[in-house]
PDB file of N, CA and C in Angstrom:
ATOM      1  N   MET A   1       3.157  31.880  78.046  1.00  0.00           N
ATOM      2  CA  MET A   1       4.238  31.978  77.354  1.00  0.00           C
ATOM      3  C   MET A   1       5.158  33.407  78.326  1.00  0.00           C
ATOM      4  N   SER A   2       6.271  33.234  78.943  1.00  0.00           N
ATOM      5  CA  SER A   2       7.043  34.504  80.101  1.00  0.00           C
ATOM      6  C   SER A   2       7.668  35.511  78.409  1.00  0.00           C
ATOM      7  N   GLY A   3       8.536  36.293  79.674  1.00  0.00           N
ATOM      8  CA  GLY A   3       9.045  37.451  79.144  1.00  0.00           C
ATOM      9  C   GLY A   3       7.912  38.671  78.892  1.00  0.00           C
ATOM     10  N   SER A   4       8.630  39.417  78.093  1.00  0.00           N
ATOM     11  CA  SER A   4       8.114  39.883  77.352  1.00  0.00           C
ATOM     12  C   SER A   4       6.122  40.564  76.692  1.00  0.00           C
ATOM     13  N   TRP A   5       6.269  38.632  75.952  1.00  0.00           N
ATOM     14  CA  TRP A   5       5.678  38.909  74.763  1.00  0.00           C
ATOM     15  C   TRP A   5       4.292  37.967  75.056  1.00  0.00           C
ATOM     16  N   ASN A   6       3.222  39.173  74.803  1.00  0.00           N
ATOM     17  CA  ASN A   6       1.723  38.698  75.246  1.00  0.00           C
ATOM     18  C   ASN A   6       1.008  38.946  74.300  1.00  0.00           C
ATOM     19  N   ILE A   7       0.890  38.349  73.050  1.00  0.00           N
ATOM     20  CA  ILE A   7       0.495  38.551  71.149  1.00  0.00           C
ATOM     21  C   ILE A   7      -0.906  38.083  71.601  1.00  0.00           C
ATOM     22  N   ASP A   8      -2.029  38.184  71.375  1.00  0.00           N
ATOM     23  CA  ASP A   8      -3.376  37.955  70.754  1.00  0.00           C
ATOM     24  C   ASP A   8      -3.059  37.811  69.720  1.00  0.00           C
ATOM     25  N   VAL A   9      -3.026  35.830  69.357  1.00  0.00           N
ATOM     26  CA  VAL A   9      -2.717  35.158  67.996  1.00  0.00           C
ATOM     27  C   VAL A   9      -3.641  35.662  67.116  1.00  0.00           C
ATOM     28  N   SER A  10      -4.985  35.844  67.497  1.00  0.00           N
ATOM     29  CA  SER A  10      -6.234  35.563  66.263  1.00  0.00           C
ATOM     30  C   SER A  10      -6.471  36.667  65.377  1.00  0.00           C
ATOM     31  N   SER A  11      -6.408  38.078  66.368  1.00  0.00           N
ATOM     32  CA  SER A  11      -6.552  39.370  65.889  1.00  0.00           C
ATOM     33  C   SER A  11      -5.238  39.940  65.501  1.00  0.00           C
ATOM     34  N   THR A  12      -4.603  39.646  65.757  1.00  0.00           N
ATOM     35  CA  THR A  12      -2.572  38.996  64.693  1.00  0.00           C
ATOM     36  C   THR A  12      -3.049  38.323  63.621  1.00  0.00           C
ATOM     37  N   VAL A  13      -3.288  37.227  63.923  1.00  0.00           N
ATOM     38  CA  VAL A  13      -3.612  36.746  62.548  1.00  0.00           C
ATOM     39  C   VAL A  13      -5.075  38.007  61.166  1.00  0.00           C
ATOM     40  N   SER A  14      -5.765  38.233  62.085  1.00  0.00           N
ATOM     41  CA  SER A  14      -6.747  39.258  61.645  1.00  0.00           C
ATOM     42  C   SER A  14      -5.748  40.810  60.722  1.00  0.00           C
ATOM     43  N   THR A  15      -5.538  40.985  61.305  1.00  0.00           N
ATOM     44  CA  THR A  15      -4.237  42.262  60.869  1.00  0.00           C
ATOM     45  C   THR A  15      -3.293  41.661  59.981  1.00  0.00           C
ATOM     46  N   ILE A  16      -2.496  40.439  60.369  1.00  0.00           N
ATOM     47  CA  ILE A  16      -1.272  40.092  58.781  1.00  0.00           C
ATOM     48  C   ILE A  16      -1.984  40.120  57.584  1.00  0.00           C
ATOM     49  N   ARG A  17      -3.590  39.419  58.394  1.00  0.00           N
ATOM     50  CA  ARG A  17      -4.507  39.177  56.466  1.00  0.00           C
ATOM     51  C   ARG A  17      -4.887  40.158  55.804  1.00  0.00           C
ATOM     52  N   ALA A  18      -5.369  40.860  57.262  1.00  0.00           N
ATOM     53  CA  ALA A  18      -6.023  42.879  56.463  1.00  0.00           C
ATOM     54  C   ALA A  18      -4.284  43.578  55.615  1.00  0.00           C
ATOM     55  N   THR A  19      -3.516  42.994  56.030  1.00  0.00           N
ATOM     56  CA  THR A  19      -1.783  43.721  55.389  1.00  0.00           C
ATOM     57  C   THR A  19      -1.441  43.245  55.182  1.00  0.00           C
ATOM     58  N   ALA A  20      -1.394  41.769  54.515  1.00  0.00           N
ATOM     59  CA  ALA A  20      -1.225  41.662  52.920  1.00  0.00           C
ATOM     60  C   ALA A  20      -2.010  41.822  52.416  1.00  0.00           C
ATOM     61  N   ALA A  21      -3.162  41.552  52.393  1.00  0.00           N
ATOM     62  CA  ALA A  21      -4.306  42.222  51.250  1.00  0.00           C
ATOM     63  C   ALA A  21      -4.496  43.601  50.931  1.00  0.00           C
ATOM     64  N   GLN A  22      -4.470  44.415  50.966  1.00  0.00           N
ATOM     65  CA  GLN A  22      -3.892  45.589  51.092  1.00  0.00           C
ATOM     66  C   GLN A  22      -2.266  45.814  50.556  1.00  0.00           C
ATOM     67  N   ALA A  23      -1.706  45.457  50.859  1.00  0.00           N
ATOM     68  CA  ALA A  23      -0.516  44.975  50.497  1.00  0.00           C
ATOM     69  C   ALA A  23      -0.568  44.724  48.734  1.00  0.00           C
ATOM     70  N   GLU A  24      -1.460  43.597  48.039  1.00  0.00           N
ATOM     71  CA  GLU A  24      -1.697  43.018  47.727  1.00  0.00           C
ATOM     72  C   GLU A  24      -2.332  44.401  46.186  1.00  0.00           C
ATOM     73  N   SER A  25      -3.671  44.745  46.682  1.00  0.00           N
ATOM     74  CA  SER A  25      -4.188  45.657  46.172  1.00  0.00           C
ATOM     75  C   SER A  25      -3.453  47.077  45.120  1.00  0.00           C
ATOM     76  N   VAL A  26      -2.533  47.167  45.923  1.00  0.00           N
ATOM     77  CA  VAL A  26      -0.777  47.928  45.821  1.00  0.00           C
ATOM     78  C   VAL A  26      -0.774  47.730  44.041  1.00  0.00           C
ATOM     79  N   GLU A  27       0.012  47.080  43.910  1.00  0.00           N
ATOM     80  CA  GLU A  27       0.605  46.560  42.239  1.00  0.00           C
ATOM     81  C   GLU A  27       0.449  46.527  41.480  1.00  0.00           C
ATOM     82  N   PRO A  28      -1.700  46.215  41.513  1.00  0.00           N
ATOM     83  CA  PRO A  28      -2.213  46.288  40.161  1.00  0.00           C
ATOM     84  C   PRO A  28      -2.422  48.507  39.787  1.00  0.00           C
ATOM     85  N   ALA A  29      -3.200  49.043  41.510  1.00  0.00           N
ATOM     86  CA  ALA A  29      -2.773  50.411  41.299  1.00  0.00           C
ATOM     87  C   ALA A  29      -1.784  51.110  40.752  1.00  0.00           C
ATOM     88  N   VAL A  30      -0.160  50.489  41.169  1.00  0.00           N
ATOM     89  CA  VAL A  30       1.024  51.494  41.178  1.00  0.00           C
ATOM     90  C   VAL A  30       1.337  51.356  39.213  1.00  0.00           C
ATOM     91  N   ALA A  31       1.009  49.501  39.373  1.00  0.00           N
ATOM     92  CA  ALA A  31       1.124  49.188  37.563  1.00  0.00           C
ATOM     93  C   ALA A  31      -0.064  50.437  36.547  1.00  0.00           C
ATOM     94  N   GLY A  32      -1.400  51.309  37.763  1.00  0.00           N
ATOM     95  CA  GLY A  32      -2.472  51.740  36.187  1.00  0.00           C
ATOM     96  C   GLY A  32      -1.746  52.518  36.054  1.00  0.00           C
ATOM     97  N   MET A  33      -1.164  53.727  37.580  1.00  0.00           N
ATOM     98  CA  MET A  33      -0.622  54.662  37.814  1.00  0.00           C
ATOM     99  C   MET A  33       0.630  55.008  35.902  1.00  0.00           C
ATOM    100  N   GLU A  34       1.584  54.108  36.064  1.00  0.00           N
ATOM    101  CA  GLU A  34       2.885  54.040  35.290  1.00  0.00           C
ATOM    102  C   GLU A  34       1.817  53.853  34.039  1.00  0.00           C
ATOM    103  N   GLN A  35       0.839  53.718  33.832  1.00  0.00           N
ATOM    104  CA  GLN A  35       0.298  53.375  32.160  1.00  0.00           C
ATOM    105  C   GLN A  35      -0.399  54.488  32.056  1.00  0.00           C
ATOM    106  N   ALA A  36      -0.847  55.221  32.731  1.00  0.00           N
ATOM    107  CA  ALA A  36      -1.549  56.307  32.544  1.00  0.00           C
ATOM    108  C   ALA A  36      -0.677  57.440  32.472  1.00  0.00           C
ATOM    109  N   LEU A  37       0.474  57.738  32.883  1.00  0.00           N
ATOM    110  CA  LEU A  37       1.097  58.707  32.708  1.00  0.00           C
ATOM    111  C   LEU A  37       1.691  58.323  32.099  1.00  0.00           C
ATOM    112  N   LEU A  38       2.657  56.931  31.068  1.00  0.00           N
ATOM    113  CA  LEU A  38       3.535  56.700  29.939  1.00  0.00           C
ATOM    114  C   LEU A  38       2.390  57.351  28.724  1.00  0.00           C
ATOM    115  N   LEU A  39       0.734  57.054  29.274  1.00  0.00           N
ATOM    116  CA  LEU A  39       0.195  57.441  28.347  1.00  0.00           C
ATOM    117  C   LEU A  39      -0.070  58.585  28.146  1.00  0.00           C
ATOM    118  N   ALA A  40      -0.152  59.737  28.740  1.00  0.00           N
ATOM    119  CA  ALA A  40      -0.392  60.960  28.916  1.00  0.00           C
ATOM    120  C   ALA A  40       1.073  61.753  28.536  1.00  0.00           C
ATOM    121  N   ALA A  41       2.521  61.131  28.593  1.00  0.00           N
ATOM    122  CA  ALA A  41       3.742  60.898  28.033  1.00  0.00           C
ATOM    123  C   ALA A  41       3.728  60.953  26.733  1.00  0.00           C
ATOM    124  N   SER A  42       2.780  59.566  26.579  1.00  0.00           N
ATOM    125  CA  SER A  42       2.346  59.938  24.163  1.00  0.00           C
ATOM    126  C   SER A  42       1.651  60.282  23.973  1.00  0.00           C
ATOM    127  N   SER A  43       0.376  61.241  24.410  1.00  0.00           N
ATOM    128  CA  SER A  43       0.236  62.625  23.762  1.00  0.00           C
ATOM    129  C   SER A  43       0.491  64.058  23.720  1.00  0.00           C
ATOM    130  N   ILE A  44       1.607  63.813  24.750  1.00  0.00           N
ATOM    131  CA  ILE A  44       2.919  64.986  24.031  1.00  0.00           C
ATOM    132  C   ILE A  44       3.615  65.137  23.614  1.00  0.00           C
ATOM    133  N   PRO A  45       3.222  65.846  22.799  1.00  0.00           N
ATOM    134  CA  PRO A  45       4.742  66.158  21.352  1.00  0.00           C
ATOM    135  C   PRO A  45       5.719  66.115  21.916  1.00  0.00           C
ATOM    136  N   GLY A  46       6.975  65.404  21.451  1.00  0.00           N
ATOM    137  CA  GLY A  46       8.585  65.540  22.341  1.00  0.00           C
ATOM    138  C   GLY A  46       8.475  66.478  23.046  1.00  0.00           C
ATOM    139  N   GLY A  47      10.044  66.528  23.388  1.00  0.00           N
ATOM    140  CA  GLY A  47      10.599  67.859  24.531  1.00  0.00           C
ATOM    141  C   GLY A  47      10.806  67.267  25.496  1.00  0.00           C
ATOM    142  N   VAL A  48      11.014  68.184  26.384  1.00  0.00           N
ATOM    143  CA  VAL A  48      11.375  68.263  27.738  1.00  0.00           C
ATOM    144  C   VAL A  48      10.279  67.164  28.649  1.00  0.00           C
ATOM    145  N   VAL A  49       9.238  68.187  28.212  1.00  0.00           N
ATOM    146  CA  VAL A  49       8.198  67.119  29.244  1.00  0.00           C
ATOM    147  C   VAL A  49       7.581  66.177  29.493  1.00  0.00           C
ATOM    148  N   VAL A  50       8.455  65.753  27.864  1.00  0.00           N
ATOM    149  CA  VAL A  50       8.031  63.943  27.607  1.00  0.00           C
ATOM    150  C   VAL A  50       9.554  63.323  28.185  1.00  0.00           C
ATOM    151  N   ALA A  51      10.606  63.492  28.449  1.00  0.00           N
ATOM    152  CA  ALA A  51      11.824  63.533  28.662  1.00  0.00           C
ATOM    153  C   ALA A  51      11.440  63.270  30.607  1.00  0.00           C
ATOM    154  N   ALA A  52      10.680  63.957  30.913  1.00  0.00           N
ATOM    155  CA  ALA A  52      10.275  63.709  32.634  1.00  0.00           C
ATOM    156  C   ALA A  52       9.474  63.198  32.718  1.00  0.00           C
ATOM    157  N   LEU A  53       8.426  62.977  32.057  1.00  0.00           N
ATOM    158  CA  LEU A  53       7.298  62.603  33.180  1.00  0.00           C
ATOM    159  C   LEU A  53       7.788  60.573  32.138  1.00  0.00           C
ATOM    160  N   ASN A  54       8.910  60.743  31.187  1.00  0.00           N
ATOM    161  CA  ASN A  54       9.369  59.434  31.321  1.00  0.00           C
ATOM    162  C   ASN A  54      10.583  59.365  32.360  1.00  0.00           C
ATOM    163  N   ASP A  55      11.232  60.177  32.803  1.00  0.00           N
ATOM    164  CA  ASP A  55      11.969  60.228  33.698  1.00  0.00           C
ATOM    165  C   ASP A  55      11.783  59.273  34.618  1.00  0.00           C
ATOM    166  N   VAL A  56      10.512  60.206  35.479  1.00  0.00           N
ATOM    167  CA  VAL A  56       9.541  60.022  36.936  1.00  0.00           C
ATOM    168  C   VAL A  56       9.100  59.009  36.906  1.00  0.00           C
ATOM    169  N   VAL A  57       8.671  58.030  35.543  1.00  0.00           N
ATOM    170  CA  VAL A  57       7.957  56.911  35.572  1.00  0.00           C
ATOM    171  C   VAL A  57       8.905  55.788  34.960  1.00  0.00           C
ATOM    172  N   THR A  58       9.874  55.792  34.746  1.00  0.00           N
ATOM    173  CA  THR A  58      10.416  54.285  34.588  1.00  0.00           C
ATOM    174  C   THR A  58      11.595  54.777  35.459  1.00  0.00           C
ATOM    175  N   ASN A  59      12.539  55.818  36.460  1.00  0.00           N
ATOM    176  CA  ASN A  59      13.154  55.746  37.557  1.00  0.00           C
ATOM    177  C   ASN A  59      13.133  56.326  38.775  1.00  0.00           C
ATOM    178  N   ARG A  60      11.401  56.401  39.079  1.00  0.00           N
ATOM    179  CA  ARG A  60      11.834  56.864  40.307  1.00  0.00           C
ATOM    180  C   ARG A  60      10.752  56.110  40.745  1.00  0.00           C
ATOM    181  N   LEU A  61       9.160  55.582  40.646  1.00  0.00           N
ATOM    182  CA  LEU A  61       7.717  55.882  40.193  1.00  0.00           C
ATOM    183  C   LEU A  61       7.969  54.744  40.487  1.00  0.00           C
ATOM    184  N   GLY A  62       8.274  53.834  38.908  1.00  0.00           N
ATOM    185  CA  GLY A  62       8.626  52.192  39.422  1.00  0.00           C
ATOM    186  C   GLY A  62       9.363  51.192  40.525  1.00  0.00           C
ATOM    187  N   PRO A  63      10.653  51.986  40.314  1.00  0.00           N
ATOM    188  CA  PRO A  63      11.479  51.575  41.556  1.00  0.00           C
ATOM    189  C   PRO A  63      10.918  50.811  42.648  1.00  0.00           C
ATOM    190  N   ASN A  64      10.665  52.865  42.859  1.00  0.00           N
ATOM    191  CA  ASN A  64      10.474  53.031  44.547  1.00  0.00           C
ATOM    192  C   ASN A  64       8.973  52.194  44.896  1.00  0.00           C
ATOM    193  N   ALA A  65       8.002  51.664  43.950  1.00  0.00           N
ATOM    194  CA  ALA A  65       6.313  50.992  44.847  1.00  0.00           C
ATOM    195  C   ALA A  65       7.024  49.677  44.259  1.00  0.00           C
ATOM    196  N   ARG A  66       7.789  48.899  43.014  1.00  0.00           N
ATOM    197  CA  ARG A  66       8.266  47.781  43.587  1.00  0.00           C
ATOM    198  C   ARG A  66       9.181  47.624  44.376  1.00  0.00           C
ATOM    199  N   GLU A  67      10.522  48.565  45.139  1.00  0.00           N
ATOM    200  CA  GLU A  67      10.552  48.541  46.400  1.00  0.00           C
ATOM    201  C   GLU A  67       9.408  47.850  47.485  1.00  0.00           C
ATOM    202  N   ALA A  68       9.369  48.776  47.506  1.00  0.00           N
ATOM    203  CA  ALA A  68       7.656  48.679  48.643  1.00  0.00           C
ATOM    204  C   ALA A  68       7.188  47.943  48.641  1.00  0.00           C
ATOM    205  N   VAL A  69       6.641  47.255  47.670  1.00  0.00           N
ATOM    206  CA  VAL A  69       6.036  45.788  47.014  1.00  0.00           C
ATOM    207  C   VAL A  69       6.596  45.262  48.264  1.00  0.00           C
ATOM    208  N   ALA A  70       8.396  44.985  47.740  1.00  0.00           N
ATOM    209  CA  ALA A  70       8.668  43.711  48.007  1.00  0.00           C
ATOM    210  C   ALA A  70       8.697  43.305  50.072  1.00  0.00           C
ATOM    211  N   ARG A  71       9.339  44.940  49.599  1.00  0.00           N
ATOM    212  CA  ARG A  71       9.608  45.173  50.955  1.00  0.00           C
ATOM    213  C   ARG A  71       8.090  45.021  51.862  1.00  0.00           C
ATOM    214  N   THR A  72       7.173  45.370  51.945  1.00  0.00           N
ATOM    215  CA  THR A  72       6.062  44.881  52.707  1.00  0.00           C
ATOM    216  C   THR A  72       5.501  43.468  52.842  1.00  0.00           C
ATOM    217  N   GLY A  73       6.103  42.460  51.377  1.00  0.00           N
ATOM    218  CA  GLY A  73       6.118  40.821  51.172  1.00  0.00           C
ATOM    219  C   GLY A  73       6.927  41.021  52.202  1.00  0.00           C
ATOM    220  N   SER A  74       7.754  41.312  52.341  1.00  0.00           N
ATOM    221  CA  SER A  74       8.692  40.880  53.449  1.00  0.00           C
ATOM    222  C   SER A  74       8.601  40.708  54.988  1.00  0.00           C
ATOM    223  N   ILE A  75       7.682  41.385  55.151  1.00  0.00           N
ATOM    224  CA  ILE A  75       7.592  42.639  56.451  1.00  0.00           C
ATOM    225  C   ILE A  75       6.145  41.221  57.114  1.00  0.00           C
ATOM    226  N   VAL A  76       5.116  40.714  56.172  1.00  0.00           N
ATOM    227  CA  VAL A  76       4.440  40.050  56.488  1.00  0.00           C
ATOM    228  C   VAL A  76       4.678  38.553  56.743  1.00  0.00           C
ATOM    229  N   THR A  77       5.388  38.480  56.086  1.00  0.00           N
ATOM    230  CA  THR A  77       5.866  36.954  55.435  1.00  0.00           C
ATOM    231  C   THR A  77       7.318  36.663  56.699  1.00  0.00           C
ATOM    232  N   SER A  78       7.631  37.903  57.539  1.00  0.00           N
ATOM    233  CA  SER A  78       8.553  37.397  58.831  1.00  0.00           C
ATOM    234  C   SER A  78       7.712  37.793  59.500  1.00  0.00           C
ATOM    235  N   THR A  79       7.096  37.888  59.598  1.00  0.00           N
ATOM    236  CA  THR A  79       5.384  38.354  60.822  1.00  0.00           C
ATOM    237  C   THR A  79       5.365  37.545  61.729  1.00  0.00           C
ATOM    238  N   VAL A  80       4.773  36.564  59.964  1.00  0.00           N
ATOM    239  CA  VAL A  80       4.006  35.147  59.702  1.00  0.00           C
ATOM    240  C   VAL A  80       4.875  34.923  60.763  1.00  0.00           C
ATOM    241  N   GLN A  81       6.408  34.011  60.507  1.00  0.00           N
ATOM    242  CA  GLN A  81       7.013  33.965  60.695  1.00  0.00           C
ATOM    243  C   GLN A  81       7.016  33.322  62.165  1.00  0.00           C
ATOM    244  N   ALA A  82       7.096  35.099  63.132  1.00  0.00           N
ATOM    245  CA  ALA A  82       7.710  34.617  64.400  1.00  0.00           C
ATOM    246  C   ALA A  82       6.088  34.575  65.100  1.00  0.00           C
ATOM    247  N   LEU A  83       4.957  34.390  65.020  1.00  0.00           N
ATOM    248  CA  LEU A  83       3.846  34.671  65.615  1.00  0.00           C
ATOM    249  C   LEU A  83       3.778  32.988  65.551  1.00  0.00           C
ATOM    250  N   SER A  84       4.433  32.037  64.193  1.00  0.00           N
ATOM    251  CA  SER A  84       4.682  30.753  64.372  1.00  0.00           C
ATOM    252  C   SER A  84       4.853  30.295  65.343  1.00  0.00           C
ATOM    253  N   PHE A  85       6.453  30.746  65.189  1.00  0.00           N
ATOM    254  CA  PHE A  85       7.267  30.403  66.340  1.00  0.00           C
ATOM    255  C   PHE A  85       6.759  31.065  67.422  1.00  0.00           C
ATOM    256  N   TYR A  86       6.132  32.386  68.331  1.00  0.00           N
ATOM    257  CA  TYR A  86       5.751  32.661  69.175  1.00  0.00           C
ATOM    258  C   TYR A  86       4.804  30.877  69.492  1.00  0.00           C
ATOM    259  N   VAL A  87       3.659  30.826  68.585  1.00  0.00           N
ATOM    260  CA  VAL A  87       2.522  30.062  68.448  1.00  0.00           C
ATOM    261  C   VAL A  87       3.207  28.348  69.508  1.00  0.00           C
ATOM    262  N   HIS A  88       4.525  28.987  69.109  1.00  0.00           N
ATOM    263  CA  HIS A  88       4.787  27.072  69.147  1.00  0.00           C
ATOM    264  C   HIS A  88       6.396  27.171  70.461  1.00  0.00           C
ATOM    265  N   GLY A  89       5.954  28.077  70.711  1.00  0.00           N
ATOM    266  CA  GLY A  89       6.756  28.058  72.198  1.00  0.00           C
ATOM    267  C   GLY A  89       8.277  29.230  72.122  1.00  0.00           C
ATOM    268  N   ASP A  90       8.742  28.904  70.743  1.00  0.00           N
ATOM    269  CA  ASP A  90      10.106  29.510  70.869  1.00  0.00           C
ATOM    270  C   ASP A  90      10.326  30.931  70.863  1.00  0.00           C
ATOM    271  N   LEU A  91      10.770  31.360  71.557  1.00  0.00           N
ATOM    272  CA  LEU A  91      10.153  33.381  71.432  1.00  0.00           C
ATOM    273  C   LEU A  91      12.139  33.317  71.067  1.00  0.00           C
ATOM    274  N   GLU A  92      12.657  32.974  71.060  1.00  0.00           N
ATOM    275  CA  GLU A  92      14.075  32.816  70.297  1.00  0.00           C
ATOM    276  C   GLU A  92      14.494  33.026  68.948  1.00  0.00           C
ATOM    277  N   MET A  93      13.280  32.084  68.570  1.00  0.00           N
ATOM    278  CA  MET A  93      13.028  32.056  67.054  1.00  0.00           C
ATOM    279  C   MET A  93      11.839  33.439  66.892  1.00  0.00           C
ATOM    280  N   ALA A  94      11.107  33.486  67.542  1.00  0.00           N
ATOM    281  CA  ALA A  94      10.287  34.682  66.676  1.00  0.00           C
ATOM    282  C   ALA A  94      11.240  36.352  67.202  1.00  0.00           C
ATOM    283  N   SER A  95      11.923  36.329  68.519  1.00  0.00           N
ATOM    284  CA  SER A  95      12.331  37.538  68.180  1.00  0.00           C
ATOM    285  C   SER A  95      13.322  37.587  67.243  1.00  0.00           C
ATOM    286  N   SER A  96      13.611  36.433  66.838  1.00  0.00           N
ATOM    287  CA  SER A  96      14.978  36.503  65.568  1.00  0.00           C
ATOM    288  C   SER A  96      13.814  37.200  64.466  1.00  0.00           C
ATOM    289  N   ALA A  97      12.784  36.427  64.514  1.00  0.00           N
ATOM    290  CA  ALA A  97      11.927  36.676  63.256  1.00  0.00           C
ATOM    291  C   ALA A  97      11.075  37.850  62.597  1.00  0.00           C
ATOM    292  N   GLN A  98      10.887  38.852  64.232  1.00  0.00           N
ATOM    293  CA  GLN A  98      11.341  39.864  64.603  1.00  0.00           C
ATOM    294  C   GLN A  98      11.884  40.757  64.511  1.00  0.00           C
ATOM    295  N   ARG A  99      12.812  40.542  64.106  1.00  0.00           N
ATOM    296  CA  ARG A  99      13.882  41.451  64.311  1.00  0.00           C
ATOM    297  C   ARG A  99      14.255  41.378  63.232  1.00  0.00           C
ATOM    298  N   SER A 100      14.000  40.682  61.540  1.00  0.00           N
ATOM    299  CA  SER A 100      14.158  40.255  60.436  1.00  0.00           C
ATOM    300  C   SER A 100      12.968  40.983  59.874  1.00  0.00           C
ATOM    301  N   ALA A 101      11.664  40.909  60.503  1.00  0.00           N
ATOM    302  CA  ALA A 101      10.446  41.898  59.959  1.00  0.00           C
ATOM    303  C   ALA A 101      11.034  43.525  59.905  1.00  0.00           C
ATOM    304  N   ALA A 102      11.465  43.959  61.072  1.00  0.00           N
ATOM    305  CA  ALA A 102      12.201  45.419  61.441  1.00  0.00           C
ATOM    306  C   ALA A 102      13.206  45.383  60.068  1.00  0.00           C
ATOM    307  N   ARG A 103      14.219  44.674  60.262  1.00  0.00           N
ATOM    308  CA  ARG A 103      14.714  45.536  58.919  1.00  0.00           C
ATOM    309  C   ARG A 103      14.657  45.601  57.370  1.00  0.00           C
ATOM    310  N   ALA A 104      13.702  44.450  56.977  1.00  0.00           N
ATOM    311  CA  ALA A 104      12.521  44.510  56.108  1.00  0.00           C
ATOM    312  C   ALA A 104      12.391  45.821  55.613  1.00  0.00           C
ATOM    313  N   GLY A 105      11.186  46.421  56.771  1.00  0.00           N
ATOM    314  CA  GLY A 105      11.300  47.540  56.961  1.00  0.00           C
ATOM    315  C   GLY A 105      11.637  48.521  56.573  1.00  0.00           C
ATOM    316  N   GLU A 106      13.605  49.028  56.029  1.00  0.00           N
ATOM    317  CA  GLU A 106      14.670  50.099  56.156  1.00  0.00           C
ATOM    318  C   GLU A 106      14.579  49.848  54.636  1.00  0.00           C
ATOM    319  N   PRO A 107      14.473  50.817  53.524  1.00  0.00           N
ATOM    320  CA  PRO A 107      14.784  50.694  52.289  1.00  0.00           C
ATOM    321  C   PRO A 107      16.276  50.392  51.913  1.00  0.00           C
ATOM    322  N   SER A 108      16.136  49.608  50.553  1.00  0.00           N
ATOM    323  CA  SER A 108      18.027  49.272  51.230  1.00  0.00           C
ATOM    324  C   SER A 108      18.513  49.596  51.014  1.00  0.00           C
ATOM    325  N   SER A 109      17.893  51.445  49.717  1.00  0.00           N
ATOM    326  CA  SER A 109      19.340  51.965  50.038  1.00  0.00           C
ATOM    327  C   SER A 109      20.507  52.113  51.833  1.00  0.00           C
ATOM    328  N   LEU A 110      19.794  52.126  52.890  1.00  0.00           N
ATOM    329  CA  LEU A 110      20.040  52.120  54.458  1.00  0.00           C
ATOM    330  C   LEU A 110      20.812  50.675  54.151  1.00  0.00           C
ATOM    331  N   HIS A 111      20.876  49.425  52.847  1.00  0.00           N
ATOM    332  CA  HIS A 111      21.114  48.509  53.956  1.00  0.00           C
ATOM    333  C   HIS A 111      23.178  48.376  52.698  1.00  0.00           C
ATOM    334  N   GLY A 112      22.731  49.501  52.011  1.00  0.00           N
ATOM    335  CA  GLY A 112      23.878  49.175  50.641  1.00  0.00           C
ATOM    336  C   GLY A 112      23.759  48.763  49.245  1.00  0.00           C
ATOM    337  N   ALA A 113      22.814  48.231  49.906  1.00  0.00           N
ATOM    338  CA  ALA A 113      22.493  48.036  48.934  1.00  0.00           C
ATOM    339  C   ALA A 113      23.161  48.067  46.702  1.00  0.00           C
ATOM    340  N   GLY A 114      23.014  47.475  46.434  1.00  0.00           N
ATOM    341  CA  GLY A 114      23.348  48.269  44.718  1.00  0.00           C
ATOM    342  C   GLY A 114      22.580  49.088  44.260  1.00  0.00           C
ATOM    343  N   HIS A 115      21.492  48.544  44.346  1.00  0.00           N
ATOM    344  CA  HIS A 115      19.950  49.085  43.416  1.00  0.00           C
ATOM    345  C   HIS A 115      19.471  50.226  44.974  1.00  0.00           C
ATOM    346  N   ARG A 116      19.517  51.430  43.733  1.00  0.00           N
ATOM    347  CA  ARG A 116      19.173  52.420  45.071  1.00  0.00           C
ATOM    348  C   ARG A 116      17.846  53.563  44.723  1.00  0.00           C
ATOM    349  N   PRO A 117      16.824  53.208  44.430  1.00  0.00           N
ATOM    350  CA  PRO A 117      14.943  53.758  43.975  1.00  0.00           C
ATOM    351  C   PRO A 117      15.455  55.216  44.150  1.00  0.00           C
ATOM    352  N   LEU A 118      15.438  56.654  43.485  1.00  0.00           N
ATOM    353  CA  LEU A 118      15.374  57.431  43.790  1.00  0.00           C
ATOM    354  C   LEU A 118      14.358  58.615  44.452  1.00  0.00           C
ATOM    355  N   PRO A 119      14.733  59.960  45.151  1.00  0.00           N
ATOM    356  CA  PRO A 119      13.084  60.093  45.813  1.00  0.00           C
ATOM    357  C   PRO A 119      12.548  60.676  44.520  1.00  0.00           C
ATOM    358  N   LEU A 120      10.988  60.461  45.143  1.00  0.00           N
ATOM    359  CA  LEU A 120       9.905  61.488  43.908  1.00  0.00           C
ATOM    360  C   LEU A 120      10.530  62.852  44.373  1.00  0.00           C
TER     361      LEU A 120
END
């Protein structure tokens, strides 16, 4: 390949697979945290603490975690596409897919999306 591209394809594939496996393991962990916090809230007798804990789980933790998992999936997918284009010698499409992966790494709040997860 020419230009500034010089990718060790087999190492890159290994890295992508490891990253995808780690990303997949996050979703059940987040769901477990959400359930644990909701269970904790249900054991506290009413009031402000329960409302605050519910707010954290429902409006912050869940949406932020789901967006992080979705963005990670988009990054992995775009990276796989970039690598595939690179392997086939299409550096222009590889570069486009690389830019797509970079954009996917940005929070949706920077893209002007309607839903913006709240900071924790």
